[in-house]
Amino acid sequence: MEQSKIAKNFSDFVTLTSIAILVIAKFLMFQFAKRAFVLYANQLYYRVLLVSMRAVVKKKPNCMKNTSSGDRLNKSDIRKVVPSGNLFFEIARIVDVKRPKVIFLENVSNLVEHDNGRTFLVIYSSLAQFGYAVRYRVMDAHVYGNLPQPRSRIFIVAFLDYDMCERFRFPEPIDLTIGINDIVDRGEKKHGTYYYKAESDVVQKYGKRIFELDYIYRISDKGLIRVRNHYCPTLAANMGYYPDRVPIVCDDFGIRKLTHRECLDFQGFPADYGFPNTITVDDAYRQIGNSVCVPVVKRIAEQIFSVL
């Protein structure tokens, strides 16, 4: 009687264990099938969009047979719809050959709207057809980098591994604790080359309006603008082409441009970073205006490393 009860309990245990194993196996198969379907649907979806985009730009594609990435954009397609298309073509060429685990790209925030979305579609589709899962976000330096500069940029992170992409998260917003006068020392006299002379066009035209010590000014096509919210204006590459486009401040010694050091600080560069003497003044301003905000990129990079 006792042996019969033990045998029955053992039989029940085996049955329950088998059912549990079967349920787990089906769950794992479902998860695998779902992931495979998502990857396939992602690539199929963007191939359809790619064909639609080509129809819009009325460009007959080059067929590339026997390639792992299948139908893809050729160089002339990219040149037609992507600003700096030659550069992106080289990025795509390297990605196609090397297949890095992660791709990290940055561009101006209106990339998603440029040319009615065609530009962003080319980039997104190119990465998707190479087998990458893509995440992107528009992020502003004063929201994500603790820098008093409204600098909005799009950041694109693409992963060859789907799990990494699923685990990746962009950084969260942080409080802005740095003000413009933490960077601009208005009580310290700078080199004379930064100051506008009394007879200069800038002083003659705008001098009486540049007097507040807690603001930074900039000159645009519309004239002199006092930047709102006590921010530094967005630093742009045209600072190196048009000297009057360098942001302007009033300090205890006169009206002047932001120095190279101050511009670097508004981009979040380390205090010991500088330019060699071989770089001209205009080239330095241009390079700063073309740069990224270091703290924002650092925070994203840390998030990337956390899922590798």
C-alpha atoms as a PDB file:
ATOM      1  CA  MET A   1       0.000   0.000   0.000  1.00  0.00           C
ATOM      2  CA  GLU A   2       2.837   2.359   0.958  1.00  0.00           C
ATOM      3  CA  GLN A   3       4.810   1.455  -2.156  1.00  0.00           C
ATOM      4  CA  SER A   4       1.750   2.106  -4.326  1.00  0.00           C
ATOM      5  CA  LYS A   5       1.356   5.579  -2.762  1.00  0.00           C
ATOM      6  CA  ILE A   6       5.048   6.399  -3.333  1.00  0.00           C
ATOM      7  CA  ALA A   7       4.809   5.255  -6.946  1.00  0.00           C
ATOM      8  CA  LYS A   8       1.724   7.418  -7.478  1.00  0.00           C
ATOM      9  CA  ASN A   9       3.433  10.481  -5.950  1.00  0.00           C
ATOM     10  CA  PHE A  10       6.500   9.924  -8.100  1.00  0.00           C
ATOM     11  CA  SER A  11       4.295   9.569 -11.178  1.00  0.00           C
ATOM     12  CA  ASP A  12       2.516  12.819 -10.315  1.00  0.00           C
ATOM     13  CA  PHE A  13       5.875  14.549  -9.813  1.00  0.00           C
ATOM     14  CA  VAL A  14       7.150  13.361 -13.184  1.00  0.00           C
ATOM     15  CA  THR A  15       3.922  14.483 -14.833  1.00  0.00           C
ATOM     16  CA  LEU A  16       4.030  17.947 -13.265  1.00  0.00           C
ATOM     17  CA  THR A  17       7.730  18.319 -14.091  1.00  0.00           C
ATOM     18  CA  SER A  18       7.065  17.347 -17.691  1.00  0.00           C
ATOM     19  CA  ILE A  19       4.240  19.856 -17.940  1.00  0.00           C
ATOM     20  CA  ALA A  20       6.460  22.579 -16.439  1.00  0.00           C
ATOM     21  CA  ILE A  21       9.284  21.793 -18.889  1.00  0.00           C
ATOM     22  CA  LEU A  22       6.815  21.827 -21.777  1.00  0.00           C
ATOM     23  CA  VAL A  23       5.401  25.215 -20.689  1.00  0.00           C
ATOM     24  CA  ILE A  24       8.891  26.695 -20.325  1.00  0.00           C
ATOM     25  CA  ALA A  25       9.937  25.293 -23.700  1.00  0.00           C
ATOM     26  CA  LYS A  26       6.864  26.751 -25.389  1.00  0.00           C
ATOM     27  CA  PHE A  27       7.480  30.109 -23.703  1.00  0.00           C
ATOM     28  CA  LEU A  28      11.092  30.181 -24.879  1.00  0.00           C
ATOM     29  CA  MET A  29      10.052  29.160 -28.390  1.00  0.00           C
ATOM     30  CA  PHE A  30       7.448  31.939 -28.390  1.00  0.00           C
ATOM     31  CA  GLN A  31      10.010  34.513 -27.236  1.00  0.00           C
ATOM     32  CA  PHE A  32      12.496  33.380 -29.875  1.00  0.00           C
ATOM     33  CA  ALA A  33       9.826  33.417 -32.589  1.00  0.00           C
ATOM     34  CA  LYS A  34       8.631  36.871 -31.493  1.00  0.00           C
ATOM     35  CA  ARG A  35      12.152  38.282 -31.573  1.00  0.00           C
ATOM     36  CA  ALA A  36      12.862  36.736 -34.953  1.00  0.00           C
ATOM     37  CA  PHE A  37       9.606  38.156 -36.260  1.00  0.00           C
ATOM     38  CA  VAL A  38      10.407  41.637 -34.920  1.00  0.00           C
ATOM     39  CA  LEU A  39      13.825  41.608 -36.577  1.00  0.00           C
ATOM     40  CA  TYR A  40      12.377  40.332 -39.850  1.00  0.00           C
ATOM     41  CA  ALA A  41       9.490  42.810 -39.755  1.00  0.00           C
ATOM     42  CA  ASN A  42      11.879  45.645 -38.963  1.00  0.00           C
ATOM     43  CA  GLN A  43      14.067  44.900 -41.972  1.00  0.00           C
ATOM     44  CA  LEU A  44      11.067  44.226 -44.241  1.00  0.00           C
ATOM     45  CA  TYR A  45       9.387  47.457 -43.136  1.00  0.00           C
ATOM     46  CA  TYR A  46      12.395  49.595 -43.852  1.00  0.00           C
ATOM     47  CA  ARG A  47      13.014  47.913 -47.185  1.00  0.00           C
ATOM     48  CA  VAL A  48       9.478  48.867 -48.171  1.00  0.00           C
ATOM     49  CA  LEU A  49      10.125  52.427 -46.994  1.00  0.00           C
ATOM     50  CA  LEU A  50      13.402  52.420 -48.884  1.00  0.00           C
ATOM     51  CA  VAL A  51      11.649  51.484 -52.111  1.00  0.00           C
ATOM     52  CA  SER A  52       9.069  54.204 -51.465  1.00  0.00           C
ATOM     53  CA  MET A  53      11.807  56.744 -50.826  1.00  0.00           C
ATOM     54  CA  ARG A  54      13.514  55.835 -54.076  1.00  0.00           C
ATOM     55  CA  ALA A  55      10.261  56.326 -55.911  1.00  0.00           C
ATOM     56  CA  VAL A  56       9.958  59.769 -54.360  1.00  0.00           C
ATOM     57  CA  VAL A  57      13.432  60.865 -55.371  1.00  0.00           C
ATOM     58  CA  LYS A  58      12.886  59.219 -58.794  1.00  0.00           C
ATOM     59  CA  LYS A  59      16.211  57.492 -58.690  1.00  0.00           C
ATOM     60  CA  LYS A  60      16.581  54.062 -60.286  1.00  0.00           C
ATOM     61  CA  PRO A  61      18.540  51.875 -57.848  1.00  0.00           C
ATOM     62  CA  ASN A  62      21.627  49.844 -58.613  1.00  0.00           C
ATOM     63  CA  CYS A  63      20.992  46.172 -57.900  1.00  0.00           C
ATOM     64  CA  MET A  64      23.713  44.513 -55.846  1.00  0.00           C
ATOM     65  CA  LYS A  65      23.455  40.739 -56.179  1.00  0.00           C
ATOM     66  CA  ASN A  66      24.752  38.130 -53.760  1.00  0.00           C
ATOM     67  CA  THR A  67      25.248  40.553 -50.872  1.00  0.00           C
ATOM     68  CA  SER A  68      24.370  39.931 -47.272  1.00  0.00           C
ATOM     69  CA  SER A  69      22.739  43.346 -46.919  1.00  0.00           C
ATOM     70  CA  GLY A  70      20.562  42.948 -49.981  1.00  0.00           C
ATOM     71  CA  ASP A  71      19.120  45.903 -51.851  1.00  0.00           C
ATOM     72  CA  ARG A  72      20.746  49.073 -50.618  1.00  0.00           C
ATOM     73  CA  LEU A  73      21.332  52.690 -51.462  1.00  0.00           C
ATOM     74  CA  ASN A  74      24.121  53.514 -53.841  1.00  0.00           C
ATOM     75  CA  LYS A  75      26.425  56.517 -53.540  1.00  0.00           C
ATOM     76  CA  SER A  76      24.406  58.799 -55.782  1.00  0.00           C
ATOM     77  CA  ASP A  77      21.198  58.033 -53.846  1.00  0.00           C
ATOM     78  CA  ILE A  78      22.838  59.094 -50.598  1.00  0.00           C
ATOM     79  CA  ARG A  79      24.386  62.193 -52.142  1.00  0.00           C
ATOM     80  CA  LYS A  80      20.987  63.257 -53.417  1.00  0.00           C
ATOM     81  CA  VAL A  81      19.147  63.209 -50.114  1.00  0.00           C
ATOM     82  CA  VAL A  82      21.739  63.317 -47.316  1.00  0.00           C
ATOM     83  CA  PRO A  83      23.690  66.467 -46.434  1.00  0.00           C
ATOM     84  CA  SER A  84      27.415  65.625 -46.455  1.00  0.00           C
ATOM     85  CA  GLY A  85      26.376  62.517 -48.372  1.00  0.00           C
ATOM     86  CA  ASN A  86      29.947  61.537 -49.169  1.00  0.00           C
ATOM     87  CA  LEU A  87      30.720  61.241 -45.467  1.00  0.00           C
ATOM     88  CA  PHE A  88      27.675  59.103 -44.722  1.00  0.00           C
ATOM     89  CA  PHE A  89      28.469  56.894 -47.721  1.00  0.00           C
ATOM     90  CA  GLU A  90      31.899  56.246 -46.194  1.00  0.00           C
ATOM     91  CA  ILE A  91      30.272  55.440 -42.837  1.00  0.00           C
ATOM     92  CA  ALA A  92      27.885  53.016 -44.557  1.00  0.00           C
ATOM     93  CA  ARG A  93      30.761  51.444 -46.480  1.00  0.00           C
ATOM     94  CA  ILE A  94      32.756  50.854 -43.294  1.00  0.00           C
ATOM     95  CA  VAL A  95      29.699  49.471 -41.490  1.00  0.00           C
ATOM     96  CA  ASP A  96      29.006  47.080 -44.354  1.00  0.00           C
ATOM     97  CA  VAL A  97      32.534  45.652 -44.173  1.00  0.00           C
ATOM     98  CA  LYS A  98      33.377  45.816 -40.455  1.00  0.00           C
ATOM     99  CA  ARG A  99      29.949  45.333 -38.817  1.00  0.00           C
ATOM    100  CA  PRO A 100      30.845  47.024 -35.493  1.00  0.00           C
ATOM    101  CA  LYS A 101      28.781  46.087 -32.455  1.00  0.00           C
ATOM    102  CA  VAL A 102      27.646  49.675 -31.959  1.00  0.00           C
ATOM    103  CA  ILE A 103      27.301  52.738 -34.179  1.00  0.00           C
ATOM    104  CA  PHE A 104      27.009  56.144 -32.535  1.00  0.00           C
ATOM    105  CA  LEU A 105      26.054  59.132 -34.725  1.00  0.00           C
ATOM    106  CA  GLU A 106      25.192  62.797 -34.065  1.00  0.00           C
ATOM    107  CA  ASN A 107      23.658  65.479 -36.243  1.00  0.00           C
ATOM    108  CA  VAL A 108      21.513  68.593 -36.150  1.00  0.00           C
ATOM    109  CA  SER A 109      18.088  68.121 -34.616  1.00  0.00           C
ATOM    110  CA  ASN A 110      16.114  68.905 -37.772  1.00  0.00           C
ATOM    111  CA  LEU A 111      17.645  65.874 -39.485  1.00  0.00           C
ATOM    112  CA  VAL A 112      14.364  64.018 -38.927  1.00  0.00           C
ATOM    113  CA  GLU A 113      12.486  66.728 -40.863  1.00  0.00           C
ATOM    114  CA  HIS A 114      15.061  67.546 -43.532  1.00  0.00           C
ATOM    115  CA  ASP A 115      13.775  67.058 -47.076  1.00  0.00           C
ATOM    116  CA  ASN A 116      10.397  65.872 -45.752  1.00  0.00           C
ATOM    117  CA  GLY A 117      12.022  63.089 -43.760  1.00  0.00           C
ATOM    118  CA  ARG A 118      13.888  61.509 -46.675  1.00  0.00           C
ATOM    119  CA  THR A 119      17.312  62.242 -45.197  1.00  0.00           C
ATOM    120  CA  PHE A 120      16.620  60.504 -41.905  1.00  0.00           C
ATOM    121  CA  LEU A 121      14.900  57.653 -43.717  1.00  0.00           C
ATOM    122  CA  VAL A 122      18.038  56.993 -45.754  1.00  0.00           C
ATOM    123  CA  ILE A 123      20.201  56.822 -42.630  1.00  0.00           C
ATOM    124  CA  TYR A 124      17.725  54.740 -40.631  1.00  0.00           C
ATOM    125  CA  SER A 125      17.053  52.386 -43.519  1.00  0.00           C
ATOM    126  CA  SER A 126      20.730  51.918 -44.294  1.00  0.00           C
ATOM    127  CA  LEU A 127      21.441  50.876 -40.710  1.00  0.00           C
ATOM    128  CA  ALA A 128      18.368  48.624 -40.541  1.00  0.00           C
ATOM    129  CA  GLN A 129      19.202  46.803 -43.747  1.00  0.00           C
ATOM    130  CA  PHE A 130      22.694  46.097 -42.401  1.00  0.00           C
ATOM    131  CA  GLY A 131      20.967  44.263 -39.548  1.00  0.00           C
ATOM    132  CA  TYR A 132      21.106  46.959 -36.881  1.00  0.00           C
ATOM    133  CA  ALA A 133      18.424  47.791 -34.346  1.00  0.00           C
ATOM    134  CA  VAL A 134      18.262  51.566 -34.047  1.00  0.00           C
ATOM    135  CA  ARG A 135      17.423  53.985 -31.272  1.00  0.00           C
ATOM    136  CA  TYR A 136      17.475  57.770 -31.560  1.00  0.00           C
ATOM    137  CA  ARG A 137      16.580  60.807 -29.522  1.00  0.00           C
ATOM    138  CA  VAL A 138      16.761  64.584 -29.865  1.00  0.00           C
ATOM    139  CA  MET A 139      18.593  65.925 -26.803  1.00  0.00           C
ATOM    140  CA  ASP A 140      19.399  69.449 -25.677  1.00  0.00           C
ATOM    141  CA  ALA A 141      22.625  70.421 -23.911  1.00  0.00           C
ATOM    142  CA  HIS A 142      20.918  72.463 -21.204  1.00  0.00           C
ATOM    143  CA  VAL A 143      18.570  69.558 -20.404  1.00  0.00           C
ATOM    144  CA  TYR A 144      20.966  66.598 -20.606  1.00  0.00           C
ATOM    145  CA  GLY A 145      24.432  68.123 -20.245  1.00  0.00           C
ATOM    146  CA  ASN A 146      24.161  70.721 -17.461  1.00  0.00           C
ATOM    147  CA  LEU A 147      25.410  73.405 -19.854  1.00  0.00           C
ATOM    148  CA  PRO A 148      23.686  76.809 -20.190  1.00  0.00           C
ATOM    149  CA  GLN A 149      23.480  76.549 -23.963  1.00  0.00           C
ATOM    150  CA  PRO A 150      20.347  75.599 -25.965  1.00  0.00           C
ATOM    151  CA  ARG A 151      22.006  73.124 -28.304  1.00  0.00           C
ATOM    152  CA  SER A 152      19.557  70.552 -29.636  1.00  0.00           C
ATOM    153  CA  ARG A 153      21.022  67.586 -31.515  1.00  0.00           C
ATOM    154  CA  ILE A 154      19.818  64.172 -32.632  1.00  0.00           C
ATOM    155  CA  PHE A 155      21.802  61.179 -31.385  1.00  0.00           C
ATOM    156  CA  ILE A 156      21.504  57.838 -33.154  1.00  0.00           C
ATOM    157  CA  VAL A 157      22.691  54.615 -31.525  1.00  0.00           C
ATOM    158  CA  ALA A 158      22.522  51.373 -33.521  1.00  0.00           C
ATOM    159  CA  PHE A 159      23.215  47.902 -32.123  1.00  0.00           C
ATOM    160  CA  LEU A 160      24.021  44.753 -34.048  1.00  0.00           C
ATOM    161  CA  ASP A 161      22.702  42.767 -31.102  1.00  0.00           C
ATOM    162  CA  TYR A 162      18.957  43.090 -30.528  1.00  0.00           C
ATOM    163  CA  ASP A 163      19.216  42.360 -26.783  1.00  0.00           C
ATOM    164  CA  MET A 164      21.685  45.221 -26.320  1.00  0.00           C
ATOM    165  CA  CYS A 165      19.302  47.583 -28.066  1.00  0.00           C
ATOM    166  CA  GLU A 166      16.444  46.407 -25.847  1.00  0.00           C
ATOM    167  CA  ARG A 167      18.492  47.080 -22.704  1.00  0.00           C
ATOM    168  CA  PHE A 168      19.884  50.433 -23.839  1.00  0.00           C
ATOM    169  CA  ARG A 169      18.339  53.596 -22.468  1.00  0.00           C
ATOM    170  CA  PHE A 170      19.224  57.185 -23.254  1.00  0.00           C
ATOM    171  CA  PRO A 171      20.194  59.308 -20.225  1.00  0.00           C
ATOM    172  CA  GLU A 172      17.478  61.065 -18.273  1.00  0.00           C
ATOM    173  CA  PRO A 173      17.287  64.882 -17.981  1.00  0.00           C
ATOM    174  CA  ILE A 174      19.340  66.483 -15.214  1.00  0.00           C
ATOM    175  CA  ASP A 175      19.091  69.799 -13.392  1.00  0.00           C
ATOM    176  CA  LEU A 176      20.896  72.812 -14.812  1.00  0.00           C
ATOM    177  CA  THR A 177      23.207  74.068 -12.060  1.00  0.00           C
ATOM    178  CA  ILE A 178      25.766  75.998 -14.147  1.00  0.00           C
ATOM    179  CA  GLY A 179      24.994  79.585 -15.149  1.00  0.00           C
ATOM    180  CA  ILE A 180      26.616  81.737 -17.823  1.00  0.00           C
ATOM    181  CA  ASN A 181      28.499  83.784 -15.226  1.00  0.00           C
ATOM    182  CA  ASP A 182      30.045  80.595 -13.865  1.00  0.00           C
ATOM    183  CA  ILE A 183      31.838  80.444 -17.208  1.00  0.00           C
ATOM    184  CA  VAL A 184      32.149  84.123 -18.169  1.00  0.00           C
ATOM    185  CA  ASP A 185      34.325  86.037 -15.718  1.00  0.00           C
ATOM    186  CA  ARG A 186      33.378  89.650 -16.364  1.00  0.00           C
ATOM    187  CA  GLY A 187      35.841  90.959 -13.815  1.00  0.00           C
ATOM    188  CA  GLU A 188      38.915  89.562 -15.574  1.00  0.00           C
ATOM    189  CA  LYS A 189      40.330  91.465 -18.519  1.00  0.00           C
ATOM    190  CA  LYS A 190      40.887  89.275 -21.565  1.00  0.00           C
ATOM    191  CA  HIS A 191      43.378  89.685 -24.386  1.00  0.00           C
ATOM    192  CA  GLY A 192      42.813  92.867 -26.334  1.00  0.00           C
ATOM    193  CA  THR A 193      42.019  91.015 -29.567  1.00  0.00           C
ATOM    194  CA  TYR A 194      38.650  89.953 -28.124  1.00  0.00           C
ATOM    195  CA  TYR A 195      37.445  93.512 -27.456  1.00  0.00           C
ATOM    196  CA  TYR A 196      35.626  95.658 -29.996  1.00  0.00           C
ATOM    197  CA  LYS A 197      37.095  99.108 -30.460  1.00  0.00           C
ATOM    198  CA  ALA A 198      34.900 102.158 -29.995  1.00  0.00           C
ATOM    199  CA  GLU A 199      34.960 102.892 -33.725  1.00  0.00           C
ATOM    200  CA  SER A 200      34.017  99.327 -34.750  1.00  0.00           C
ATOM    201  CA  ASP A 201      30.741  98.692 -36.572  1.00  0.00           C
ATOM    202  CA  VAL A 202      29.473  96.531 -33.706  1.00  0.00           C
ATOM    203  CA  VAL A 203      29.959  99.223 -31.062  1.00  0.00           C
ATOM    204  CA  GLN A 204      28.743 102.011 -33.309  1.00  0.00           C
ATOM    205  CA  LYS A 205      25.586 100.126 -34.216  1.00  0.00           C
ATOM    206  CA  TYR A 206      24.749  98.154 -31.066  1.00  0.00           C
ATOM    207  CA  GLY A 207      26.971  99.506 -28.284  1.00  0.00           C
ATOM    208  CA  LYS A 208      24.210 101.323 -26.398  1.00  0.00           C
ATOM    209  CA  ARG A 209      22.147  98.124 -26.259  1.00  0.00           C
ATOM    210  CA  ILE A 210      24.923  95.878 -24.952  1.00  0.00           C
ATOM    211  CA  PHE A 211      25.180  96.752 -21.266  1.00  0.00           C
ATOM    212  CA  GLU A 212      23.612  94.008 -19.122  1.00  0.00           C
ATOM    213  CA  LEU A 213      26.099  91.899 -17.194  1.00  0.00           C
ATOM    214  CA  ASP A 214      23.892  88.832 -16.801  1.00  0.00           C
ATOM    215  CA  TYR A 215      23.148  88.246 -20.487  1.00  0.00           C
ATOM    216  CA  ILE A 216      24.985  87.153 -23.602  1.00  0.00           C
ATOM    217  CA  TYR A 217      24.174  88.731 -26.954  1.00  0.00           C
ATOM    218  CA  ARG A 218      24.456  87.570 -30.519  1.00  0.00           C
ATOM    219  CA  ILE A 219      24.180  89.209 -33.918  1.00  0.00           C
ATOM    220  CA  SER A 220      21.978  87.514 -36.493  1.00  0.00           C
ATOM    221  CA  ASP A 221      20.582  88.467 -39.867  1.00  0.00           C
ATOM    222  CA  LYS A 222      17.794  90.180 -37.927  1.00  0.00           C
ATOM    223  CA  GLY A 223      20.181  92.285 -35.856  1.00  0.00           C
ATOM    224  CA  LEU A 224      21.237  92.164 -32.211  1.00  0.00           C
ATOM    225  CA  ILE A 225      19.517  89.574 -30.019  1.00  0.00           C
ATOM    226  CA  ARG A 226      19.688  89.270 -26.240  1.00  0.00           C
ATOM    227  CA  VAL A 227      19.530  85.558 -25.548  1.00  0.00           C
ATOM    228  CA  ARG A 228      16.622  84.588 -23.332  1.00  0.00           C
ATOM    229  CA  ASN A 229      16.732  82.679 -20.049  1.00  0.00           C
ATOM    230  CA  HIS A 230      20.313  83.765 -19.376  1.00  0.00           C
ATOM    231  CA  TYR A 231      21.724  81.209 -21.801  1.00  0.00           C
ATOM    232  CA  CYS A 232      24.657  81.299 -24.150  1.00  0.00           C
ATOM    233  CA  PRO A 233      23.434  81.307 -27.757  1.00  0.00           C
ATOM    234  CA  THR A 234      23.944  78.101 -29.709  1.00  0.00           C
ATOM    235  CA  LEU A 235      27.568  78.080 -30.845  1.00  0.00           C
ATOM    236  CA  ALA A 236      27.763  77.623 -34.595  1.00  0.00           C
ATOM    237  CA  ALA A 237      30.474  76.975 -37.165  1.00  0.00           C
ATOM    238  CA  ASN A 238      29.766  80.328 -38.819  1.00  0.00           C
ATOM    239  CA  MET A 239      31.671  81.940 -35.934  1.00  0.00           C
ATOM    240  CA  GLY A 240      34.774  81.048 -37.914  1.00  0.00           C
ATOM    241  CA  TYR A 241      33.515  82.614 -41.131  1.00  0.00           C
ATOM    242  CA  TYR A 242      31.845  85.770 -39.806  1.00  0.00           C
ATOM    243  CA  PRO A 243      33.649  87.219 -36.749  1.00  0.00           C
ATOM    244  CA  ASP A 244      30.596  89.212 -35.657  1.00  0.00           C
ATOM    245  CA  ARG A 245      28.679  85.936 -35.186  1.00  0.00           C
ATOM    246  CA  VAL A 246      30.763  85.048 -32.128  1.00  0.00           C
ATOM    247  CA  PRO A 247      28.530  85.684 -29.074  1.00  0.00           C
ATOM    248  CA  ILE A 248      29.094  89.043 -27.401  1.00  0.00           C
ATOM    249  CA  VAL A 249      29.308  90.011 -23.722  1.00  0.00           C
ATOM    250  CA  CYS A 250      29.731  93.213 -21.790  1.00  0.00           C
ATOM    251  CA  ASP A 251      32.312  93.007 -19.013  1.00  0.00           C
ATOM    252  CA  ASP A 252      33.987  95.512 -16.686  1.00  0.00           C
ATOM    253  CA  PHE A 253      36.390  96.523 -19.446  1.00  0.00           C
ATOM    254  CA  GLY A 254      34.207  96.858 -22.515  1.00  0.00           C
ATOM    255  CA  ILE A 255      32.302  94.937 -25.176  1.00  0.00           C
ATOM    256  CA  ARG A 256      33.941  91.772 -26.424  1.00  0.00           C
ATOM    257  CA  LYS A 257      33.515  88.368 -28.014  1.00  0.00           C
ATOM    258  CA  LEU A 258      33.459  85.163 -26.033  1.00  0.00           C
ATOM    259  CA  THR A 259      36.986  83.814 -25.848  1.00  0.00           C
ATOM    260  CA  HIS A 260      38.006  80.411 -27.193  1.00  0.00           C
ATOM    261  CA  ARG A 261      38.259  79.156 -23.611  1.00  0.00           C
ATOM    262  CA  GLU A 262      34.753  80.332 -22.764  1.00  0.00           C
ATOM    263  CA  CYS A 263      33.343  78.720 -25.912  1.00  0.00           C
ATOM    264  CA  LEU A 264      35.077  75.456 -25.045  1.00  0.00           C
ATOM    265  CA  ASP A 265      33.597  75.651 -21.543  1.00  0.00           C
ATOM    266  CA  PHE A 266      30.104  76.182 -22.959  1.00  0.00           C
ATOM    267  CA  GLN A 267      30.657  72.955 -24.933  1.00  0.00           C
ATOM    268  CA  GLY A 268      31.773  71.139 -21.783  1.00  0.00           C
ATOM    269  CA  PHE A 269      35.412  70.502 -22.700  1.00  0.00           C
ATOM    270  CA  PRO A 270      37.878  69.758 -19.872  1.00  0.00           C
ATOM    271  CA  ALA A 271      39.746  72.734 -18.448  1.00  0.00           C
ATOM    272  CA  ASP A 272      43.086  71.432 -19.729  1.00  0.00           C
ATOM    273  CA  TYR A 273      41.861  71.107 -23.324  1.00  0.00           C
ATOM    274  CA  GLY A 274      43.082  73.716 -25.812  1.00  0.00           C
ATOM    275  CA  PHE A 275      44.204  74.327 -29.371  1.00  0.00           C
ATOM    276  CA  PRO A 276      47.784  74.169 -30.659  1.00  0.00           C
ATOM    277  CA  ASN A 277      49.391  77.383 -31.844  1.00  0.00           C
ATOM    278  CA  THR A 278      49.114  76.182 -35.444  1.00  0.00           C
ATOM    279  CA  ILE A 279      45.317  76.634 -35.380  1.00  0.00           C
ATOM    280  CA  THR A 280      44.119  80.071 -36.479  1.00  0.00           C
ATOM    281  CA  VAL A 281      41.625  82.084 -34.434  1.00  0.00           C
ATOM    282  CA  ASP A 282      38.891  81.600 -37.046  1.00  0.00           C
ATOM    283  CA  ASP A 283      39.548  77.870 -37.392  1.00  0.00           C
ATOM    284  CA  ALA A 284      39.331  77.432 -33.620  1.00  0.00           C
ATOM    285  CA  TYR A 285      35.937  79.147 -33.482  1.00  0.00           C
ATOM    286  CA  ARG A 286      34.738  77.071 -36.430  1.00  0.00           C
ATOM    287  CA  GLN A 287      35.840  73.806 -34.839  1.00  0.00           C
ATOM    288  CA  ILE A 288      34.167  74.695 -31.542  1.00  0.00           C
ATOM    289  CA  GLY A 289      30.945  75.518 -33.375  1.00  0.00           C
ATOM    290  CA  ASN A 290      31.094  72.169 -35.177  1.00  0.00           C
ATOM    291  CA  SER A 291      31.771  70.236 -31.990  1.00  0.00           C
ATOM    292  CA  VAL A 292      29.464  68.233 -29.757  1.00  0.00           C
ATOM    293  CA  CYS A 293      28.607  68.989 -26.143  1.00  0.00           C
ATOM    294  CA  VAL A 294      31.032  66.716 -24.330  1.00  0.00           C
ATOM    295  CA  PRO A 295      28.926  65.909 -21.222  1.00  0.00           C
ATOM    296  CA  VAL A 296      25.952  64.804 -23.343  1.00  0.00           C
ATOM    297  CA  VAL A 297      28.088  62.485 -25.468  1.00  0.00           C
ATOM    298  CA  LYS A 298      29.852  61.153 -22.377  1.00  0.00           C
ATOM    299  CA  ARG A 299      26.540  60.305 -20.694  1.00  0.00           C
ATOM    300  CA  ILE A 300      25.286  58.470 -23.790  1.00  0.00           C
ATOM    301  CA  ALA A 301      28.596  56.613 -24.138  1.00  0.00           C
ATOM    302  CA  GLU A 302      28.339  55.464 -20.524  1.00  0.00           C
ATOM    303  CA  GLN A 303      24.858  54.097 -21.253  1.00  0.00           C
ATOM    304  CA  ILE A 304      26.223  52.249 -24.293  1.00  0.00           C
ATOM    305  CA  PHE A 305      29.067  50.695 -22.296  1.00  0.00           C
ATOM    306  CA  SER A 306      26.608  49.565 -19.635  1.00  0.00           C
ATOM    307  CA  VAL A 307      24.912  47.151 -22.071  1.00  0.00           C
ATOM    308  CA  LEU A 308      27.996  45.801 -23.864  1.00  0.00           C
END
